[in-house]
Amino acid sequence: MITEFGKNKVVQSYNESISKFRLNETIIVETFDVKSSIGDTLTIEFIVPDGIQQISKLETLDTDNNVLSVSSLYVSISNDTRFKYQVKVGD
């Protein structure tokens, strides 16, 4: 079992590693409205760029564009959408 301290360290490290998102394999988002880690949970919020009508793939990238995580999803986007990405480290 991972201790609370261990979970917090994993979340902090992941938080420091993420520098951008790639949406639908082509759109890069590098500006975040919120980027914080509290305990075992990482939260990042950003405004979805204009012109995107849906998100079907979300990737987190580091500064060298290495893929840290990939999520397949379907989110329909309307005007001025704020997207909230959240990761919780479990046992």
Protein backbone atom coordinates (compact mmCIF):
# COMPACT_ATOMS: atom_id res chain seq x y z
CA MET A 1 0.00 0.00 0.00
CA ILE A 2 1.26 3.46 -0.93
CA THR A 3 1.40 5.85 2.02
CA GLU A 4 -0.20 9.29 1.86
CA PHE A 5 3.30 10.79 1.69
CA GLY A 6 4.13 8.54 -1.27
CA LYS A 7 0.90 9.46 -3.08
CA ASN A 8 1.60 13.15 -2.55
CA LYS A 9 5.12 12.78 -3.98
CA VAL A 10 3.81 10.99 -7.09
CA VAL A 11 1.23 13.74 -7.68
CA GLN A 12 3.81 16.51 -7.17
CA SER A 13 6.22 14.86 -9.61
CA TYR A 14 3.49 14.37 -12.24
CA ASN A 15 2.36 17.98 -11.76
CA GLU A 16 5.90 19.24 -12.36
CA SER A 17 6.27 17.05 -15.47
CA ILE A 18 3.14 18.20 -17.34
CA SER A 19 3.82 21.26 -19.47
CA LYS A 20 1.04 20.99 -22.06
CA PHE A 21 -1.93 19.05 -23.39
CA ARG A 22 -2.48 17.81 -26.92
CA LEU A 23 -6.13 17.59 -27.95
CA ASN A 24 -7.30 15.31 -30.78
CA GLU A 25 -3.67 14.61 -31.77
CA THR A 26 -3.11 18.13 -33.17
CA ILE A 27 -4.11 21.06 -30.90
CA ILE A 28 -1.58 22.10 -28.24
CA VAL A 29 -2.70 23.84 -25.03
CA GLU A 30 0.10 25.35 -22.93
CA THR A 31 -1.82 27.88 -20.85
CA PHE A 32 -3.60 26.68 -17.74
CA ASP A 33 -6.10 28.59 -15.60
CA VAL A 34 -5.48 26.25 -12.67
CA LYS A 35 -2.63 23.82 -12.06
CA SER A 36 -2.42 22.52 -8.53
CA SER A 37 -1.77 19.42 -6.50
CA ILE A 38 -3.49 18.98 -3.17
CA GLY A 39 -2.74 15.79 -1.34
CA ASP A 40 -3.14 12.86 -3.71
CA THR A 41 -5.05 14.81 -6.39
CA LEU A 42 -3.78 16.84 -9.34
CA THR A 43 -6.13 19.35 -10.97
CA ILE A 44 -5.49 21.25 -14.19
CA GLU A 45 -8.05 23.52 -15.86
CA PHE A 46 -7.78 25.23 -19.24
CA ILE A 47 -9.96 26.98 -21.79
CA VAL A 48 -10.59 24.84 -24.87
CA PRO A 49 -9.34 26.75 -27.94
CA ASP A 50 -11.89 28.18 -30.37
CA GLY A 51 -12.92 25.96 -33.24
CA ILE A 52 -12.89 22.67 -31.35
CA GLN A 53 -16.31 21.02 -31.40
CA GLN A 54 -15.33 17.87 -29.51
CA ILE A 55 -12.43 16.28 -27.67
CA SER A 56 -11.88 12.62 -28.48
CA LYS A 57 -8.28 12.24 -27.34
CA LEU A 58 -6.36 14.04 -24.61
CA GLU A 59 -2.63 13.62 -24.07
CA THR A 60 -0.41 15.13 -21.39
CA LEU A 61 3.07 16.09 -22.58
CA ASP A 62 6.30 17.18 -20.94
CA THR A 63 8.52 20.01 -22.21
CA ASP A 64 10.19 17.69 -24.75
CA ASN A 65 6.77 16.54 -26.11
CA ASN A 66 7.10 13.09 -24.54
CA VAL A 67 3.64 11.64 -23.95
CA LEU A 68 2.98 11.13 -20.24
CA SER A 69 -0.62 9.92 -20.49
CA VAL A 70 -3.31 9.28 -23.08
CA SER A 71 -7.07 9.41 -22.53
CA SER A 72 -9.65 8.41 -25.11
CA LEU A 73 -12.91 10.19 -24.39
CA TYR A 74 -15.79 12.01 -25.98
CA VAL A 75 -16.60 15.52 -24.82
CA SER A 76 -18.84 17.77 -26.87
CA ILE A 77 -17.61 21.37 -26.74
CA SER A 78 -19.71 24.53 -26.87
CA ASN A 79 -18.49 28.12 -26.84
CA ASP A 80 -16.09 29.21 -24.09
CA THR A 81 -15.60 25.80 -22.48
CA ARG A 82 -13.31 25.32 -19.50
CA PHE A 83 -11.98 21.75 -19.30
CA LYS A 84 -11.03 20.23 -15.95
CA TYR A 85 -8.47 17.40 -15.92
CA GLN A 86 -8.11 15.61 -12.62
CA VAL A 87 -5.93 12.70 -11.52
CA LYS A 88 -6.13 10.99 -8.14
CA VAL A 89 -3.39 8.60 -7.06
CA GLY A 90 -4.88 5.45 -5.55
CA ASP A 91 -3.49 2.59 -3.50
